[in-house]
Amino acid sequence: QVQLVESGGGLVQAGGSLRLSCAASGRTFSSYAMAWFRQNPGKEREFVAAIRWGAGTTYYADSVKGRFTISRDSTKNMVYLQMNSLKPEDTAVYYCAGRFAGPGINLRTTDYTYWGQGTQVTVSS
């Protein structure tokens, strides 16, 4: 069974940085799309970033473009989200997600199949 486990969340001051990690296991992810989402209680889940595992092509929400970087390490089956220049508005539970994805899949809007448990990121002003 596919499992995704996030780590790396915490409390950081505005302007600071955090690196989130997602450990992916259970299968080969060469044909997968991997993504990061975030959500606060009572709010809609928000797309943050995505990557095609095989090609390494990346996609970002406008709100994080230029500040966040998604990457993957194929030898370790790890997905990362490097978050720089953090703002209080970035405060949320961050989730790692994945799905099998062919070339026609829109990584920003597609439904993801597998989800991690989430890791809390809190940015203080």
C-alpha atoms as a PDB file:
ATOM      1  CA  GLN A   1       0.000   0.000   0.000  1.00  0.00           C
ATOM      2  CA  VAL A   2       1.224   3.502  -0.795  1.00  0.00           C
ATOM      3  CA  GLN A   3       2.157   5.498   2.277  1.00  0.00           C
ATOM      4  CA  LEU A   4       3.147   9.134   2.518  1.00  0.00           C
ATOM      5  CA  VAL A   5       4.613  10.527   5.718  1.00  0.00           C
ATOM      6  CA  GLU A   6       5.365  14.224   6.147  1.00  0.00           C
ATOM      7  CA  SER A   7       7.845  15.767   8.526  1.00  0.00           C
ATOM      8  CA  GLY A   8       9.684  19.022   9.060  1.00  0.00           C
ATOM      9  CA  GLY A   9       6.919  21.336  10.170  1.00  0.00           C
ATOM     10  CA  GLY A  10       7.326  23.714  13.051  1.00  0.00           C
ATOM     11  CA  LEU A  11       7.252  27.280  14.271  1.00  0.00           C
ATOM     12  CA  VAL A  12       9.246  29.885  12.399  1.00  0.00           C
ATOM     13  CA  GLN A  13       9.424  33.662  12.352  1.00  0.00           C
ATOM     14  CA  ALA A  14       8.244  35.599   9.325  1.00  0.00           C
ATOM     15  CA  GLY A  15      11.005  35.750   6.755  1.00  0.00           C
ATOM     16  CA  GLY A  16      12.452  32.452   7.859  1.00  0.00           C
ATOM     17  CA  SER A  17      12.679  29.091   6.154  1.00  0.00           C
ATOM     18  CA  LEU A  18      11.539  25.516   6.629  1.00  0.00           C
ATOM     19  CA  ARG A  19      12.037  22.359   4.632  1.00  0.00           C
ATOM     20  CA  LEU A  20       9.246  19.807   4.609  1.00  0.00           C
ATOM     21  CA  SER A  21       9.894  16.181   3.739  1.00  0.00           C
ATOM     22  CA  CYS A  22       7.572  13.488   2.441  1.00  0.00           C
ATOM     23  CA  ALA A  23       8.677   9.880   2.640  1.00  0.00           C
ATOM     24  CA  ALA A  24       6.923   7.866  -0.062  1.00  0.00           C
ATOM     25  CA  SER A  25       6.771   4.095   0.095  1.00  0.00           C
ATOM     26  CA  GLY A  26       4.836   1.137  -1.234  1.00  0.00           C
ATOM     27  CA  ARG A  27       5.616   1.249  -4.940  1.00  0.00           C
ATOM     28  CA  THR A  28       7.660   2.776  -7.716  1.00  0.00           C
ATOM     29  CA  PHE A  29       6.699   6.408  -8.269  1.00  0.00           C
ATOM     30  CA  SER A  30       8.181   7.006 -11.710  1.00  0.00           C
ATOM     31  CA  SER A  31       4.751   7.605 -13.240  1.00  0.00           C
ATOM     32  CA  TYR A  32       3.362   9.543 -10.288  1.00  0.00           C
ATOM     33  CA  ALA A  33       2.523  13.140  -9.681  1.00  0.00           C
ATOM     34  CA  MET A  34       3.412  14.338  -6.203  1.00  0.00           C
ATOM     35  CA  ALA A  35       2.088  17.482  -4.613  1.00  0.00           C
ATOM     36  CA  TRP A  36       1.914  19.622  -1.522  1.00  0.00           C
ATOM     37  CA  PHE A  37      -1.352  21.066  -0.261  1.00  0.00           C
ATOM     38  CA  ARG A  38      -2.147  23.152   2.784  1.00  0.00           C
ATOM     39  CA  GLN A  39      -5.263  23.694   4.854  1.00  0.00           C
ATOM     40  CA  ASN A  40      -6.510  25.514   7.927  1.00  0.00           C
ATOM     41  CA  PRO A  41      -9.640  24.555   9.909  1.00  0.00           C
ATOM     42  CA  GLY A  42     -12.755  25.765   8.148  1.00  0.00           C
ATOM     43  CA  LYS A  43     -10.819  26.631   5.009  1.00  0.00           C
ATOM     44  CA  GLU A  44     -10.658  24.907   1.671  1.00  0.00           C
ATOM     45  CA  ARG A  45      -7.619  22.839   0.909  1.00  0.00           C
ATOM     46  CA  GLU A  46      -5.181  24.828  -1.216  1.00  0.00           C
ATOM     47  CA  PHE A  47      -2.777  23.585  -3.846  1.00  0.00           C
ATOM     48  CA  VAL A  48       0.798  24.639  -3.165  1.00  0.00           C
ATOM     49  CA  ALA A  49       3.149  22.818  -5.520  1.00  0.00           C
ATOM     50  CA  ALA A  50       3.447  19.657  -7.589  1.00  0.00           C
ATOM     51  CA  ILE A  51       6.063  17.674  -9.440  1.00  0.00           C
ATOM     52  CA  ARG A  52       6.068  14.896 -12.000  1.00  0.00           C
ATOM     53  CA  TRP A  53       8.335  12.295 -10.484  1.00  0.00           C
ATOM     54  CA  GLY A  54       9.727  11.010 -13.741  1.00  0.00           C
ATOM     55  CA  ALA A  55      10.363  14.230 -15.627  1.00  0.00           C
ATOM     56  CA  GLY A  56      10.849  16.507 -12.645  1.00  0.00           C
ATOM     57  CA  THR A  57       8.613  19.217 -14.065  1.00  0.00           C
ATOM     58  CA  THR A  58       7.208  21.473 -11.371  1.00  0.00           C
ATOM     59  CA  TYR A  59       4.107  23.585 -10.820  1.00  0.00           C
ATOM     60  CA  TYR A  60       3.386  26.219  -8.193  1.00  0.00           C
ATOM     61  CA  ALA A  61       0.547  28.238  -6.810  1.00  0.00           C
ATOM     62  CA  ASP A  62       0.967  31.922  -7.547  1.00  0.00           C
ATOM     63  CA  SER A  63       1.037  32.673  -3.830  1.00  0.00           C
ATOM     64  CA  VAL A  64       4.249  30.695  -3.311  1.00  0.00           C
ATOM     65  CA  LYS A  65       6.005  31.053  -6.647  1.00  0.00           C
ATOM     66  CA  GLY A  66       9.532  32.299  -6.176  1.00  0.00           C
ATOM     67  CA  ARG A  67       9.527  31.416  -2.481  1.00  0.00           C
ATOM     68  CA  PHE A  68       8.860  27.668  -2.388  1.00  0.00           C
ATOM     69  CA  THR A  69      10.629  24.892  -4.263  1.00  0.00           C
ATOM     70  CA  ILE A  70       9.374  21.339  -4.676  1.00  0.00           C
ATOM     71  CA  SER A  71      11.844  18.590  -5.467  1.00  0.00           C
ATOM     72  CA  ARG A  72      12.245  14.843  -5.266  1.00  0.00           C
ATOM     73  CA  ASP A  73      15.069  12.425  -4.620  1.00  0.00           C
ATOM     74  CA  SER A  74      14.370   9.304  -6.642  1.00  0.00           C
ATOM     75  CA  THR A  75      17.043   7.258  -4.899  1.00  0.00           C
ATOM     76  CA  LYS A  76      15.402   7.868  -1.522  1.00  0.00           C
ATOM     77  CA  ASN A  77      11.739   8.111  -2.572  1.00  0.00           C
ATOM     78  CA  MET A  78      11.542  11.493  -0.892  1.00  0.00           C
ATOM     79  CA  VAL A  79       9.679  14.639  -1.860  1.00  0.00           C
ATOM     80  CA  TYR A  80      10.669  17.990  -0.400  1.00  0.00           C
ATOM     81  CA  LEU A  81       9.176  21.423  -0.096  1.00  0.00           C
ATOM     82  CA  GLN A  82      11.733  24.120   0.595  1.00  0.00           C
ATOM     83  CA  MET A  83       9.916  27.161   1.962  1.00  0.00           C
ATOM     84  CA  ASN A  84      11.741  30.484   2.081  1.00  0.00           C
ATOM     85  CA  SER A  85      10.626  34.006   2.942  1.00  0.00           C
ATOM     86  CA  LEU A  86       7.767  32.607   4.971  1.00  0.00           C
ATOM     87  CA  LYS A  87       4.772  34.778   5.757  1.00  0.00           C
ATOM     88  CA  PRO A  88       2.105  34.438   8.459  1.00  0.00           C
ATOM     89  CA  GLU A  89      -0.334  33.644   5.646  1.00  0.00           C
ATOM     90  CA  ASP A  90       1.635  30.448   5.012  1.00  0.00           C
ATOM     91  CA  THR A  91       0.502  29.072   8.366  1.00  0.00           C
ATOM     92  CA  ALA A  92      -1.384  25.820   7.752  1.00  0.00           C
ATOM     93  CA  VAL A  93      -1.245  22.070   7.961  1.00  0.00           C
ATOM     94  CA  TYR A  94       0.770  20.915   4.982  1.00  0.00           C
ATOM     95  CA  TYR A  95      -0.082  17.630   3.301  1.00  0.00           C
ATOM     96  CA  CYS A  96       1.860  15.486   0.899  1.00  0.00           C
ATOM     97  CA  ALA A  97      -0.234  13.893  -1.847  1.00  0.00           C
ATOM     98  CA  GLY A  98       0.303  11.602  -4.788  1.00  0.00           C
ATOM     99  CA  ARG A  99      -1.393   9.835  -7.661  1.00  0.00           C
ATOM    100  CA  PHE A 100      -0.635   7.909 -10.795  1.00  0.00           C
ATOM    101  CA  ALA A 101      -0.501  10.485 -13.568  1.00  0.00           C
ATOM    102  CA  GLY A 102      -0.209  10.375 -17.307  1.00  0.00           C
ATOM    103  CA  PRO A 103       0.851  13.285 -19.483  1.00  0.00           C
ATOM    104  CA  GLY A 104      -2.669  14.705 -19.787  1.00  0.00           C
ATOM    105  CA  ILE A 105      -3.178  15.237 -16.075  1.00  0.00           C
ATOM    106  CA  ASN A 106      -3.399  18.778 -14.752  1.00  0.00           C
ATOM    107  CA  LEU A 107      -1.321  18.584 -11.606  1.00  0.00           C
ATOM    108  CA  ARG A 108      -2.865  21.721 -10.105  1.00  0.00           C
ATOM    109  CA  THR A 109      -6.480  20.572 -10.300  1.00  0.00           C
ATOM    110  CA  THR A 110      -6.462  16.780 -10.392  1.00  0.00           C
ATOM    111  CA  ASP A 111      -7.749  14.665  -7.526  1.00  0.00           C
ATOM    112  CA  TYR A 112      -4.933  12.979  -5.658  1.00  0.00           C
ATOM    113  CA  THR A 113      -5.299   9.417  -4.477  1.00  0.00           C
ATOM    114  CA  TYR A 114      -2.880   9.136  -1.584  1.00  0.00           C
ATOM    115  CA  TRP A 115      -2.400  11.523   1.302  1.00  0.00           C
ATOM    116  CA  GLY A 116      -0.112  11.903   4.244  1.00  0.00           C
ATOM    117  CA  GLN A 117      -1.155  12.791   7.762  1.00  0.00           C
ATOM    118  CA  GLY A 118      -0.031  16.399   7.547  1.00  0.00           C
ATOM    119  CA  THR A 119       2.537  18.505   9.343  1.00  0.00           C
ATOM    120  CA  GLN A 120       1.854  21.841  11.015  1.00  0.00           C
ATOM    121  CA  VAL A 121       3.645  24.968   9.845  1.00  0.00           C
ATOM    122  CA  THR A 122       3.191  28.099  11.919  1.00  0.00           C
ATOM    123  CA  VAL A 123       4.710  31.422  10.897  1.00  0.00           C
ATOM    124  CA  SER A 124       4.752  34.183  13.485  1.00  0.00           C
ATOM    125  CA  SER A 125       4.872  37.884  12.682  1.00  0.00           C
END
